[in-house]
Amino acid sequence: MKMPRVALGVLVLLAIAAWLFWPRAAAVSILEVKKAPAVRMLAVNGTIRPRLSVEVQAPVAGTLTALPYDVGARVTEGVLLARVDDAPQRAAIAEALAAVSAQEAALAQARRDLARFEALGEFVTRQRREEARLAVDQGTQELKRRRALVAQARDVQQRYEVRAPFAGVILERPVDPGQTITVSTVLYRLANLAAPEIAAEVDEFYAAALRVGGEALIELPGRSQPIAAAIVHVEPRVDPATGAREVRLRPSRPLDDVASGATVAVNLIVEREQGVISIPRSAILRADSTPTVRVVDDEGRVQDRRIRFVDWPAETVTVTEGLAPGMRILADPQAAAPGARVRPRA
């Protein structure tokens, strides 16, 4: 018995409608959970800084009479950087030398008197001889004291000359010759630019995980390959103004061609892990409160699943509970709601 043509047409239309309007699995990006090695990093900004840097100041106040170097000049260790007017000190030295000369003359006379009294023998009383001997002893001690004052005055005079504590480059000269300065006035900022370091400010919470000897990767502008570096110092004190601790790093290769003060990207390697589950942070719902991912079962149905992970400021995090190898999760948890059917996007 043949089906009437009208009935056949209705069935065809129903089949087309079912194909058009029946809920179909949405195509979404799906990630398969695997265990693999992972590196936990902390990304911060760093600054190229000299390994040696100092603000040069004069130990005495006065007027600058010499300031021979300008910004950019290279100086050697011990070279004269500045001179302060030492006229008052030169006058003090001249006065001290005159006092020495006077005492030398007085002592010479006391010695002549003692020699004469000793030559007279029994014709001079014993008391006179002892008094002459005492005058010589006291004169000798006074001469030593006055000579010591001359040496002290000359030592003070040397403080009017400021010399370079190490070889380096003048980065700044905030003053000019003829200017009156105090002991707190900065004359130069001097730095040794050979083998510079990188300094970075790290939040105290994350800095607690860093140790001297730790690894890092430095990304420099204009260079495609990062440079390895090692942590050489973690400041034990927290800056109360920023809540951060300074971390200093030494690169594996010299950075002599990078300008001092340049900003670089620093990736601090906090931990290297073997056989862990890592997923993008973007795959987690409510990461700050009830972290959840959306898993896809064997039938393509979406389900919510609670997880725990190491909360670290990075795009990829390590999951410690809730997922196992072989599971599948939505790369974008907003792509489908729980109960929906999905299929992998080609």
C-alpha atoms as a PDB file:
ATOM      1  CA  MET A   1       0.000   0.000   0.000  1.00  0.00           C
ATOM      2  CA  LYS A   2       1.488   3.266  -1.042  1.00  0.00           C
ATOM      3  CA  MET A   3       1.629   6.265   1.287  1.00  0.00           C
ATOM      4  CA  PRO A   4      -0.351   9.182  -0.024  1.00  0.00           C
ATOM      5  CA  ARG A   5       1.808  11.940  -1.458  1.00  0.00           C
ATOM      6  CA  VAL A   6       0.381  14.490   0.970  1.00  0.00           C
ATOM      7  CA  ALA A   7       1.366  12.394   3.996  1.00  0.00           C
ATOM      8  CA  LEU A   8       4.858  11.862   2.596  1.00  0.00           C
ATOM      9  CA  GLY A   9       5.278  15.567   2.107  1.00  0.00           C
ATOM     10  CA  VAL A  10       4.215  16.252   5.688  1.00  0.00           C
ATOM     11  CA  LEU A  11       6.810  13.764   6.989  1.00  0.00           C
ATOM     12  CA  VAL A  12       9.508  15.395   4.934  1.00  0.00           C
ATOM     13  CA  LEU A  13       8.556  18.819   6.254  1.00  0.00           C
ATOM     14  CA  LEU A  14       8.562  17.504   9.814  1.00  0.00           C
ATOM     15  CA  ALA A  15      11.995  15.993   9.312  1.00  0.00           C
ATOM     16  CA  ILE A  16      13.334  19.271   7.948  1.00  0.00           C
ATOM     17  CA  ALA A  17      11.805  21.205  10.845  1.00  0.00           C
ATOM     18  CA  ALA A  18      13.279  18.763  13.350  1.00  0.00           C
ATOM     19  CA  TRP A  19      16.689  19.129  11.754  1.00  0.00           C
ATOM     20  CA  LEU A  20      16.422  22.916  11.806  1.00  0.00           C
ATOM     21  CA  PHE A  21      14.983  23.448  15.262  1.00  0.00           C
ATOM     22  CA  TRP A  22      16.147  20.478  17.316  1.00  0.00           C
ATOM     23  CA  PRO A  23      18.809  21.603  19.889  1.00  0.00           C
ATOM     24  CA  ARG A  24      22.222  20.806  18.544  1.00  0.00           C
ATOM     25  CA  ALA A  25      25.567  20.619  20.389  1.00  0.00           C
ATOM     26  CA  ALA A  26      27.351  23.967  20.405  1.00  0.00           C
ATOM     27  CA  ALA A  27      30.867  24.078  19.029  1.00  0.00           C
ATOM     28  CA  VAL A  28      33.222  25.283  21.792  1.00  0.00           C
ATOM     29  CA  SER A  29      36.933  25.236  22.632  1.00  0.00           C
ATOM     30  CA  ILE A  30      37.644  22.282  24.891  1.00  0.00           C
ATOM     31  CA  LEU A  31      40.857  21.640  26.808  1.00  0.00           C
ATOM     32  CA  GLU A  32      42.008  18.158  27.785  1.00  0.00           C
ATOM     33  CA  VAL A  33      43.455  17.956  31.283  1.00  0.00           C
ATOM     34  CA  LYS A  34      47.004  16.581  31.369  1.00  0.00           C
ATOM     35  CA  LYS A  35      49.875  16.316  33.797  1.00  0.00           C
ATOM     36  CA  ALA A  36      53.049  17.988  32.600  1.00  0.00           C
ATOM     37  CA  PRO A  37      56.050  19.924  33.901  1.00  0.00           C
ATOM     38  CA  ALA A  38      55.221  23.504  34.837  1.00  0.00           C
ATOM     39  CA  VAL A  39      57.088  26.603  35.895  1.00  0.00           C
ATOM     40  CA  ARG A  40      55.551  28.988  38.409  1.00  0.00           C
ATOM     41  CA  MET A  41      56.674  32.494  37.537  1.00  0.00           C
ATOM     42  CA  LEU A  42      56.170  35.997  38.854  1.00  0.00           C
ATOM     43  CA  ALA A  43      56.211  38.762  36.266  1.00  0.00           C
ATOM     44  CA  VAL A  44      57.377  42.191  37.476  1.00  0.00           C
ATOM     45  CA  ASN A  45      59.072  45.254  36.056  1.00  0.00           C
ATOM     46  CA  GLY A  46      62.733  45.820  36.833  1.00  0.00           C
ATOM     47  CA  THR A  47      65.186  48.664  36.424  1.00  0.00           C
ATOM     48  CA  ILE A  48      68.788  48.502  35.256  1.00  0.00           C
ATOM     49  CA  ARG A  49      70.894  49.910  38.089  1.00  0.00           C
ATOM     50  CA  PRO A  50      74.631  50.197  38.702  1.00  0.00           C
ATOM     51  CA  ARG A  51      76.173  47.634  40.993  1.00  0.00           C
ATOM     52  CA  LEU A  52      78.050  50.479  42.696  1.00  0.00           C
ATOM     53  CA  SER A  53      76.419  53.881  43.103  1.00  0.00           C
ATOM     54  CA  VAL A  54      77.043  56.700  45.551  1.00  0.00           C
ATOM     55  CA  GLU A  55      76.066  60.288  46.243  1.00  0.00           C
ATOM     56  CA  VAL A  56      79.361  62.149  46.660  1.00  0.00           C
ATOM     57  CA  GLN A  57      79.300  64.729  49.456  1.00  0.00           C
ATOM     58  CA  ALA A  58      81.936  66.899  51.108  1.00  0.00           C
ATOM     59  CA  PRO A  59      82.744  66.241  54.782  1.00  0.00           C
ATOM     60  CA  VAL A  60      83.040  69.994  55.400  1.00  0.00           C
ATOM     61  CA  ALA A  61      80.919  73.063  54.621  1.00  0.00           C
ATOM     62  CA  GLY A  62      82.192  76.002  52.603  1.00  0.00           C
ATOM     63  CA  THR A  63      82.548  77.411  49.106  1.00  0.00           C
ATOM     64  CA  LEU A  64      83.366  75.175  46.137  1.00  0.00           C
ATOM     65  CA  THR A  65      86.545  76.346  44.451  1.00  0.00           C
ATOM     66  CA  ALA A  66      86.979  73.408  42.063  1.00  0.00           C
ATOM     67  CA  LEU A  67      84.463  71.041  40.444  1.00  0.00           C
ATOM     68  CA  PRO A  68      86.332  69.741  37.415  1.00  0.00           C
ATOM     69  CA  TYR A  69      83.972  67.058  36.063  1.00  0.00           C
ATOM     70  CA  ASP A  70      80.590  67.189  34.368  1.00  0.00           C
ATOM     71  CA  VAL A  71      77.864  64.657  33.624  1.00  0.00           C
ATOM     72  CA  GLY A  72      79.104  61.718  31.556  1.00  0.00           C
ATOM     73  CA  ALA A  73      82.746  62.068  32.542  1.00  0.00           C
ATOM     74  CA  ARG A  74      84.610  58.891  33.453  1.00  0.00           C
ATOM     75  CA  VAL A  75      86.841  59.148  36.510  1.00  0.00           C
ATOM     76  CA  THR A  76      89.364  56.835  38.137  1.00  0.00           C
ATOM     77  CA  GLU A  77      89.502  55.879  41.780  1.00  0.00           C
ATOM     78  CA  GLY A  78      91.130  58.530  43.968  1.00  0.00           C
ATOM     79  CA  VAL A  79      90.956  61.365  41.435  1.00  0.00           C
ATOM     80  CA  LEU A  80      90.087  64.825  42.788  1.00  0.00           C
ATOM     81  CA  LEU A  81      86.379  65.467  42.277  1.00  0.00           C
ATOM     82  CA  ALA A  82      85.948  68.720  44.182  1.00  0.00           C
ATOM     83  CA  ARG A  83      87.771  71.199  46.392  1.00  0.00           C
ATOM     84  CA  VAL A  84      86.256  73.382  49.092  1.00  0.00           C
ATOM     85  CA  ASP A  85      87.880  76.715  49.993  1.00  0.00           C
ATOM     86  CA  ASP A  86      90.372  75.822  52.735  1.00  0.00           C
ATOM     87  CA  ALA A  87      91.700  79.327  53.502  1.00  0.00           C
ATOM     88  CA  PRO A  88      90.604  79.166  57.175  1.00  0.00           C
ATOM     89  CA  GLN A  89      92.283  75.794  57.554  1.00  0.00           C
ATOM     90  CA  ARG A  90      95.485  76.988  55.913  1.00  0.00           C
ATOM     91  CA  ALA A  91      95.545  79.850  58.414  1.00  0.00           C
ATOM     92  CA  ALA A  92      95.074  77.350  61.242  1.00  0.00           C
ATOM     93  CA  ILE A  93      97.998  75.279  59.936  1.00  0.00           C
ATOM     94  CA  ALA A  94     100.220  78.369  59.684  1.00  0.00           C
ATOM     95  CA  GLU A  95      99.338  79.275  63.272  1.00  0.00           C
ATOM     96  CA  ALA A  96     100.073  75.758  64.459  1.00  0.00           C
ATOM     97  CA  LEU A  97     103.459  75.754  62.643  1.00  0.00           C
ATOM     98  CA  ALA A  98     104.362  79.086  64.262  1.00  0.00           C
ATOM     99  CA  ALA A  99     103.532  77.605  67.658  1.00  0.00           C
ATOM    100  CA  VAL A 100     105.831  74.669  66.885  1.00  0.00           C
ATOM    101  CA  SER A 101     108.667  76.999  65.893  1.00  0.00           C
ATOM    102  CA  ALA A 102     108.245  78.982  69.101  1.00  0.00           C
ATOM    103  CA  GLN A 103     108.275  75.842  71.199  1.00  0.00           C
ATOM    104  CA  GLU A 104     111.343  74.502  69.392  1.00  0.00           C
ATOM    105  CA  ALA A 105     113.145  77.732  70.292  1.00  0.00           C
ATOM    106  CA  ALA A 106     111.983  77.540  73.906  1.00  0.00           C
ATOM    107  CA  LEU A 107     113.071  73.906  74.181  1.00  0.00           C
ATOM    108  CA  ALA A 108     116.484  74.695  72.673  1.00  0.00           C
ATOM    109  CA  GLN A 109     116.985  77.385  75.316  1.00  0.00           C
ATOM    110  CA  ALA A 110     115.900  75.019  78.102  1.00  0.00           C
ATOM    111  CA  ARG A 111     118.434  72.441  76.911  1.00  0.00           C
ATOM    112  CA  ARG A 112     121.201  75.050  76.838  1.00  0.00           C
ATOM    113  CA  ASP A 113     120.334  76.085  80.405  1.00  0.00           C
ATOM    114  CA  LEU A 114     120.417  72.485  81.584  1.00  0.00           C
ATOM    115  CA  ALA A 115     123.773  71.875  79.906  1.00  0.00           C
ATOM    116  CA  ARG A 116     125.263  75.013  81.519  1.00  0.00           C
ATOM    117  CA  PHE A 117     124.009  74.074  85.001  1.00  0.00           C
ATOM    118  CA  GLU A 118     125.353  70.540  84.677  1.00  0.00           C
ATOM    119  CA  ALA A 119     128.748  71.971  83.550  1.00  0.00           C
ATOM    120  CA  LEU A 120     128.953  74.205  86.614  1.00  0.00           C
ATOM    121  CA  GLY A 121     128.688  71.135  88.843  1.00  0.00           C
ATOM    122  CA  GLU A 122     128.924  71.964  92.584  1.00  0.00           C
ATOM    123  CA  PHE A 123     128.654  75.677  91.907  1.00  0.00           C
ATOM    124  CA  VAL A 124     124.900  75.259  91.086  1.00  0.00           C
ATOM    125  CA  THR A 125     122.386  73.931  93.568  1.00  0.00           C
ATOM    126  CA  ARG A 126     120.755  70.611  92.979  1.00  0.00           C
ATOM    127  CA  GLN A 127     117.383  72.294  92.912  1.00  0.00           C
ATOM    128  CA  ARG A 128     118.401  74.523  89.987  1.00  0.00           C
ATOM    129  CA  ARG A 129     119.606  71.517  88.006  1.00  0.00           C
ATOM    130  CA  GLU A 130     116.319  69.615  88.661  1.00  0.00           C
ATOM    131  CA  GLU A 131     114.300  72.638  87.646  1.00  0.00           C
ATOM    132  CA  ALA A 132     116.269  72.904  84.392  1.00  0.00           C
ATOM    133  CA  ARG A 133     115.840  69.162  83.721  1.00  0.00           C
ATOM    134  CA  LEU A 134     112.075  69.470  84.375  1.00  0.00           C
ATOM    135  CA  ALA A 135     111.867  72.420  81.980  1.00  0.00           C
ATOM    136  CA  VAL A 136     113.477  70.307  79.249  1.00  0.00           C
ATOM    137  CA  ASP A 137     111.057  67.398  79.865  1.00  0.00           C
ATOM    138  CA  GLN A 138     108.023  69.660  79.854  1.00  0.00           C
ATOM    139  CA  GLY A 139     109.267  71.512  76.775  1.00  0.00           C
ATOM    140  CA  THR A 140     109.748  68.210  74.944  1.00  0.00           C
ATOM    141  CA  GLN A 141     106.189  67.098  75.739  1.00  0.00           C
ATOM    142  CA  GLU A 142     104.783  70.459  74.681  1.00  0.00           C
ATOM    143  CA  LEU A 143     106.666  70.289  71.395  1.00  0.00           C
ATOM    144  CA  LYS A 144     105.160  66.837  70.708  1.00  0.00           C
ATOM    145  CA  ARG A 145     101.701  68.182  71.460  1.00  0.00           C
ATOM    146  CA  ARG A 146     102.095  71.155  69.101  1.00  0.00           C
ATOM    147  CA  ARG A 147     103.469  68.953  66.313  1.00  0.00           C
ATOM    148  CA  ALA A 148     100.456  66.680  66.766  1.00  0.00           C
ATOM    149  CA  LEU A 149      98.212  69.720  66.335  1.00  0.00           C
ATOM    150  CA  VAL A 150      99.951  70.501  63.054  1.00  0.00           C
ATOM    151  CA  ALA A 151      99.405  66.921  61.827  1.00  0.00           C
ATOM    152  CA  GLN A 152      95.765  67.092  62.900  1.00  0.00           C
ATOM    153  CA  ALA A 153      95.260  70.411  61.110  1.00  0.00           C
ATOM    154  CA  ARG A 154      96.765  68.956  57.924  1.00  0.00           C
ATOM    155  CA  ASP A 155      94.488  65.919  58.193  1.00  0.00           C
ATOM    156  CA  VAL A 156      91.520  68.257  58.473  1.00  0.00           C
ATOM    157  CA  GLN A 157      92.774  70.148  55.417  1.00  0.00           C
ATOM    158  CA  GLN A 158      92.611  66.947  53.381  1.00  0.00           C
ATOM    159  CA  ARG A 159      88.877  66.841  54.070  1.00  0.00           C
ATOM    160  CA  TYR A 160      88.505  69.931  51.917  1.00  0.00           C
ATOM    161  CA  GLU A 161      89.433  67.778  48.932  1.00  0.00           C
ATOM    162  CA  VAL A 162      86.833  65.249  47.755  1.00  0.00           C
ATOM    163  CA  ARG A 163      88.158  62.243  45.851  1.00  0.00           C
ATOM    164  CA  ALA A 164      86.430  59.469  43.910  1.00  0.00           C
ATOM    165  CA  PRO A 165      85.770  56.390  46.087  1.00  0.00           C
ATOM    166  CA  PHE A 166      85.857  54.140  42.995  1.00  0.00           C
ATOM    167  CA  ALA A 167      86.198  54.359  39.231  1.00  0.00           C
ATOM    168  CA  GLY A 168      82.973  55.214  37.473  1.00  0.00           C
ATOM    169  CA  VAL A 169      80.852  57.646  35.463  1.00  0.00           C
ATOM    170  CA  ILE A 170      79.375  60.948  36.653  1.00  0.00           C
ATOM    171  CA  LEU A 171      75.597  60.566  36.327  1.00  0.00           C
ATOM    172  CA  GLU A 172      74.637  63.902  37.852  1.00  0.00           C
ATOM    173  CA  ARG A 173      76.234  67.116  39.109  1.00  0.00           C
ATOM    174  CA  PRO A 174      73.618  69.176  40.967  1.00  0.00           C
ATOM    175  CA  VAL A 175      75.985  72.035  42.002  1.00  0.00           C
ATOM    176  CA  ASP A 176      78.354  74.519  40.350  1.00  0.00           C
ATOM    177  CA  PRO A 177      81.758  75.992  41.277  1.00  0.00           C
ATOM    178  CA  GLY A 178      81.494  78.976  43.618  1.00  0.00           C
ATOM    179  CA  GLN A 179      78.397  77.599  45.311  1.00  0.00           C
ATOM    180  CA  THR A 180      78.269  77.464  49.110  1.00  0.00           C
ATOM    181  CA  ILE A 181      77.571  73.936  50.326  1.00  0.00           C
ATOM    182  CA  THR A 182      76.841  72.068  53.559  1.00  0.00           C
ATOM    183  CA  VAL A 183      77.899  68.579  54.558  1.00  0.00           C
ATOM    184  CA  SER A 184      74.556  67.263  53.214  1.00  0.00           C
ATOM    185  CA  THR A 185      74.915  68.827  49.748  1.00  0.00           C
ATOM    186  CA  VAL A 186      75.237  66.273  46.925  1.00  0.00           C
ATOM    187  CA  LEU A 187      78.149  67.201  44.660  1.00  0.00           C
ATOM    188  CA  TYR A 188      77.978  64.284  42.223  1.00  0.00           C
ATOM    189  CA  ARG A 189      76.127  61.061  41.689  1.00  0.00           C
ATOM    190  CA  LEU A 190      78.820  58.566  40.737  1.00  0.00           C
ATOM    191  CA  ALA A 191      78.194  55.052  39.454  1.00  0.00           C
ATOM    192  CA  ASN A 192      80.213  52.123  38.223  1.00  0.00           C
ATOM    193  CA  LEU A 193      78.293  51.031  35.150  1.00  0.00           C
ATOM    194  CA  ALA A 194      80.306  47.865  34.570  1.00  0.00           C
ATOM    195  CA  ALA A 195      78.295  44.680  35.195  1.00  0.00           C
ATOM    196  CA  PRO A 196      75.034  46.398  36.207  1.00  0.00           C
ATOM    197  CA  GLU A 197      72.282  44.673  38.174  1.00  0.00           C
ATOM    198  CA  ILE A 198      68.497  44.683  37.878  1.00  0.00           C
ATOM    199  CA  ALA A 199      66.370  45.919  40.774  1.00  0.00           C
ATOM    200  CA  ALA A 200      62.677  45.053  41.077  1.00  0.00           C
ATOM    201  CA  GLU A 201      60.004  45.853  43.645  1.00  0.00           C
ATOM    202  CA  VAL A 202      58.057  42.725  44.647  1.00  0.00           C
ATOM    203  CA  ASP A 203      54.945  42.678  46.822  1.00  0.00           C
ATOM    204  CA  GLU A 204      55.818  41.385  50.288  1.00  0.00           C
ATOM    205  CA  PHE A 205      53.359  38.455  49.936  1.00  0.00           C
ATOM    206  CA  TYR A 206      55.059  37.118  46.821  1.00  0.00           C
ATOM    207  CA  ALA A 207      58.587  38.104  47.851  1.00  0.00           C
ATOM    208  CA  ALA A 208      58.354  35.613  50.738  1.00  0.00           C
ATOM    209  CA  ALA A 209      58.687  32.794  48.167  1.00  0.00           C
ATOM    210  CA  LEU A 210      61.927  34.148  46.686  1.00  0.00           C
ATOM    211  CA  ARG A 211      65.419  33.096  47.734  1.00  0.00           C
ATOM    212  CA  VAL A 212      68.962  34.199  46.933  1.00  0.00           C
ATOM    213  CA  GLY A 213      70.227  32.026  44.087  1.00  0.00           C
ATOM    214  CA  GLY A 214      66.786  31.757  42.495  1.00  0.00           C
ATOM    215  CA  GLU A 215      66.383  31.901  38.722  1.00  0.00           C
ATOM    216  CA  ALA A 216      64.883  34.609  36.548  1.00  0.00           C
ATOM    217  CA  LEU A 217      64.546  35.555  32.896  1.00  0.00           C
ATOM    218  CA  ILE A 218      65.115  39.135  31.753  1.00  0.00           C
ATOM    219  CA  GLU A 219      63.438  40.484  28.605  1.00  0.00           C
ATOM    220  CA  LEU A 220      65.260  43.451  27.110  1.00  0.00           C
ATOM    221  CA  PRO A 221      63.842  45.856  24.529  1.00  0.00           C
ATOM    222  CA  GLY A 222      65.021  44.995  21.032  1.00  0.00           C
ATOM    223  CA  ARG A 223      66.178  41.475  21.947  1.00  0.00           C
ATOM    224  CA  SER A 224      64.165  38.426  20.963  1.00  0.00           C
ATOM    225  CA  GLN A 225      65.782  36.039  23.433  1.00  0.00           C
ATOM    226  CA  PRO A 226      65.525  36.517  27.215  1.00  0.00           C
ATOM    227  CA  ILE A 227      68.662  36.566  29.354  1.00  0.00           C
ATOM    228  CA  ALA A 228      69.035  34.298  32.368  1.00  0.00           C
ATOM    229  CA  ALA A 229      69.684  35.972  35.710  1.00  0.00           C
ATOM    230  CA  ALA A 230      70.126  34.973  39.342  1.00  0.00           C
ATOM    231  CA  ILE A 231      68.680  36.546  42.471  1.00  0.00           C
ATOM    232  CA  VAL A 232      71.564  37.995  44.503  1.00  0.00           C
ATOM    233  CA  HIS A 233      69.623  39.888  47.170  1.00  0.00           C
ATOM    234  CA  VAL A 234      66.141  39.919  48.688  1.00  0.00           C
ATOM    235  CA  GLU A 235      65.665  42.960  50.897  1.00  0.00           C
ATOM    236  CA  PRO A 236      64.629  41.730  54.374  1.00  0.00           C
ATOM    237  CA  ARG A 237      62.840  45.010  55.129  1.00  0.00           C
ATOM    238  CA  VAL A 238      59.422  45.866  53.706  1.00  0.00           C
ATOM    239  CA  ASP A 239      59.047  49.410  52.428  1.00  0.00           C
ATOM    240  CA  PRO A 240      56.147  50.788  54.493  1.00  0.00           C
ATOM    241  CA  ALA A 241      55.203  53.210  51.718  1.00  0.00           C
ATOM    242  CA  THR A 242      54.802  50.557  48.994  1.00  0.00           C
ATOM    243  CA  GLY A 243      54.434  47.286  50.885  1.00  0.00           C
ATOM    244  CA  ALA A 244      57.160  45.827  48.673  1.00  0.00           C
ATOM    245  CA  ARG A 245      60.637  44.372  49.085  1.00  0.00           C
ATOM    246  CA  GLU A 246      63.509  45.080  46.723  1.00  0.00           C
ATOM    247  CA  VAL A 247      64.924  42.126  44.803  1.00  0.00           C
ATOM    248  CA  ARG A 248      68.252  42.482  42.991  1.00  0.00           C
ATOM    249  CA  LEU A 249      69.328  40.219  40.149  1.00  0.00           C
ATOM    250  CA  ARG A 250      72.602  39.679  38.354  1.00  0.00           C
ATOM    251  CA  PRO A 251      72.342  38.735  34.659  1.00  0.00           C
ATOM    252  CA  SER A 252      74.362  35.879  33.214  1.00  0.00           C
ATOM    253  CA  ARG A 253      75.745  38.217  30.532  1.00  0.00           C
ATOM    254  CA  PRO A 254      76.959  41.823  30.911  1.00  0.00           C
ATOM    255  CA  LEU A 255      74.399  44.508  30.133  1.00  0.00           C
ATOM    256  CA  ASP A 256      76.943  47.228  29.439  1.00  0.00           C
ATOM    257  CA  ASP A 257      75.074  48.296  26.302  1.00  0.00           C
ATOM    258  CA  VAL A 258      71.798  48.884  28.177  1.00  0.00           C
ATOM    259  CA  ALA A 259      71.243  52.360  29.587  1.00  0.00           C
ATOM    260  CA  SER A 260      71.222  52.726  33.349  1.00  0.00           C
ATOM    261  CA  GLY A 261      67.669  53.293  34.562  1.00  0.00           C
ATOM    262  CA  ALA A 262      66.065  51.421  31.650  1.00  0.00           C
ATOM    263  CA  THR A 263      62.926  49.411  32.456  1.00  0.00           C
ATOM    264  CA  VAL A 264      62.969  45.679  31.659  1.00  0.00           C
ATOM    265  CA  ALA A 265      60.513  42.812  32.061  1.00  0.00           C
ATOM    266  CA  VAL A 266      61.543  40.349  34.774  1.00  0.00           C
ATOM    267  CA  ASN A 267      60.112  36.817  35.081  1.00  0.00           C
ATOM    268  CA  LEU A 268      61.057  35.409  38.471  1.00  0.00           C
ATOM    269  CA  ILE A 269      61.014  31.607  38.506  1.00  0.00           C
ATOM    270  CA  VAL A 270      59.468  30.735  41.854  1.00  0.00           C
ATOM    271  CA  GLU A 271      59.164  26.978  41.424  1.00  0.00           C
ATOM    272  CA  ARG A 272      59.701  24.262  38.829  1.00  0.00           C
ATOM    273  CA  GLU A 273      57.104  21.486  39.165  1.00  0.00           C
ATOM    274  CA  GLN A 274      56.988  18.026  37.618  1.00  0.00           C
ATOM    275  CA  GLY A 275      53.778  16.245  36.662  1.00  0.00           C
ATOM    276  CA  VAL A 276      51.177  18.829  37.660  1.00  0.00           C
ATOM    277  CA  ILE A 277      47.865  19.920  36.197  1.00  0.00           C
ATOM    278  CA  SER A 278      47.962  23.456  34.834  1.00  0.00           C
ATOM    279  CA  ILE A 279      45.023  25.299  33.297  1.00  0.00           C
ATOM    280  CA  PRO A 280      44.479  28.865  32.111  1.00  0.00           C
ATOM    281  CA  ARG A 281      43.157  31.188  34.798  1.00  0.00           C
ATOM    282  CA  SER A 282      40.566  32.300  32.244  1.00  0.00           C
ATOM    283  CA  ALA A 283      38.994  28.819  32.418  1.00  0.00           C
ATOM    284  CA  ILE A 284      38.033  29.317  36.079  1.00  0.00           C
ATOM    285  CA  LEU A 285      34.743  30.802  37.262  1.00  0.00           C
ATOM    286  CA  ARG A 286      34.683  32.773  40.530  1.00  0.00           C
ATOM    287  CA  ALA A 287      38.420  32.314  41.052  1.00  0.00           C
ATOM    288  CA  ASP A 288      38.427  34.615  44.076  1.00  0.00           C
ATOM    289  CA  SER A 289      35.640  32.861  46.013  1.00  0.00           C
ATOM    290  CA  THR A 290      34.386  29.453  44.863  1.00  0.00           C
ATOM    291  CA  PRO A 291      36.675  28.430  41.999  1.00  0.00           C
ATOM    292  CA  THR A 292      34.798  26.290  39.499  1.00  0.00           C
ATOM    293  CA  VAL A 293      35.474  24.885  36.046  1.00  0.00           C
ATOM    294  CA  ARG A 294      32.987  23.470  33.571  1.00  0.00           C
ATOM    295  CA  VAL A 295      33.807  19.914  32.588  1.00  0.00           C
ATOM    296  CA  VAL A 296      32.456  18.084  29.549  1.00  0.00           C
ATOM    297  CA  ASP A 297      31.405  14.437  30.096  1.00  0.00           C
ATOM    298  CA  ASP A 298      31.588  11.603  27.589  1.00  0.00           C
ATOM    299  CA  GLU A 299      28.136  12.505  26.207  1.00  0.00           C
ATOM    300  CA  GLY A 300      29.137  16.119  25.656  1.00  0.00           C
ATOM    301  CA  ARG A 301      27.123  17.450  28.617  1.00  0.00           C
ATOM    302  CA  VAL A 302      28.523  20.401  30.599  1.00  0.00           C
ATOM    303  CA  GLN A 303      28.785  20.179  34.380  1.00  0.00           C
ATOM    304  CA  ASP A 304      30.194  22.509  37.042  1.00  0.00           C
ATOM    305  CA  ARG A 305      33.088  21.173  39.117  1.00  0.00           C
ATOM    306  CA  ARG A 306      34.758  22.805  42.134  1.00  0.00           C
ATOM    307  CA  ILE A 307      38.537  22.933  42.177  1.00  0.00           C
ATOM    308  CA  ARG A 308      41.420  24.204  44.253  1.00  0.00           C
ATOM    309  CA  PHE A 309      44.472  25.859  42.764  1.00  0.00           C
ATOM    310  CA  VAL A 310      47.632  27.714  43.732  1.00  0.00           C
ATOM    311  CA  ASP A 311      46.551  31.343  43.553  1.00  0.00           C
ATOM    312  CA  TRP A 312      49.434  33.078  41.834  1.00  0.00           C
ATOM    313  CA  PRO A 313      49.487  36.180  39.612  1.00  0.00           C
ATOM    314  CA  ALA A 314      49.953  34.356  36.312  1.00  0.00           C
ATOM    315  CA  GLU A 315      47.885  33.449  33.269  1.00  0.00           C
ATOM    316  CA  THR A 316      48.311  29.721  34.020  1.00  0.00           C
ATOM    317  CA  VAL A 317      47.687  28.220  37.464  1.00  0.00           C
ATOM    318  CA  THR A 318      48.377  24.852  39.063  1.00  0.00           C
ATOM    319  CA  VAL A 319      45.302  22.865  40.106  1.00  0.00           C
ATOM    320  CA  THR A 320      45.736  20.870  43.327  1.00  0.00           C
ATOM    321  CA  GLU A 321      42.226  19.322  43.683  1.00  0.00           C
ATOM    322  CA  GLY A 322      39.169  18.649  41.530  1.00  0.00           C
ATOM    323  CA  LEU A 323      40.646  17.608  38.199  1.00  0.00           C
ATOM    324  CA  ALA A 324      42.285  14.457  36.896  1.00  0.00           C
ATOM    325  CA  PRO A 325      44.165  13.668  33.691  1.00  0.00           C
ATOM    326  CA  GLY A 326      41.858  12.857  30.801  1.00  0.00           C
ATOM    327  CA  MET A 327      39.059  15.183  31.875  1.00  0.00           C
ATOM    328  CA  ARG A 328      37.880  17.859  29.470  1.00  0.00           C
ATOM    329  CA  ILE A 329      36.998  21.433  30.425  1.00  0.00           C
ATOM    330  CA  LEU A 330      35.655  24.482  28.634  1.00  0.00           C
ATOM    331  CA  ALA A 331      38.412  26.937  27.730  1.00  0.00           C
ATOM    332  CA  ASP A 332      35.774  29.675  28.135  1.00  0.00           C
ATOM    333  CA  PRO A 333      33.415  28.739  30.986  1.00  0.00           C
ATOM    334  CA  GLN A 334      30.871  31.271  29.693  1.00  0.00           C
ATOM    335  CA  ALA A 335      30.600  29.470  26.354  1.00  0.00           C
ATOM    336  CA  ALA A 336      27.968  26.981  27.644  1.00  0.00           C
ATOM    337  CA  ALA A 337      25.798  26.590  30.735  1.00  0.00           C
ATOM    338  CA  PRO A 338      25.579  23.443  32.898  1.00  0.00           C
ATOM    339  CA  GLY A 339      23.415  20.776  31.175  1.00  0.00           C
ATOM    340  CA  ALA A 340      24.115  22.041  27.672  1.00  0.00           C
ATOM    341  CA  ARG A 341      25.482  19.711  25.025  1.00  0.00           C
ATOM    342  CA  VAL A 342      28.715  20.789  23.369  1.00  0.00           C
ATOM    343  CA  ARG A 343      31.168  19.495  20.838  1.00  0.00           C
ATOM    344  CA  PRO A 344      34.790  20.412  20.209  1.00  0.00           C
ATOM    345  CA  ARG A 345      35.300  23.283  17.835  1.00  0.00           C
ATOM    346  CA  ALA A 346      37.283  22.244  14.768  1.00  0.00           C
END
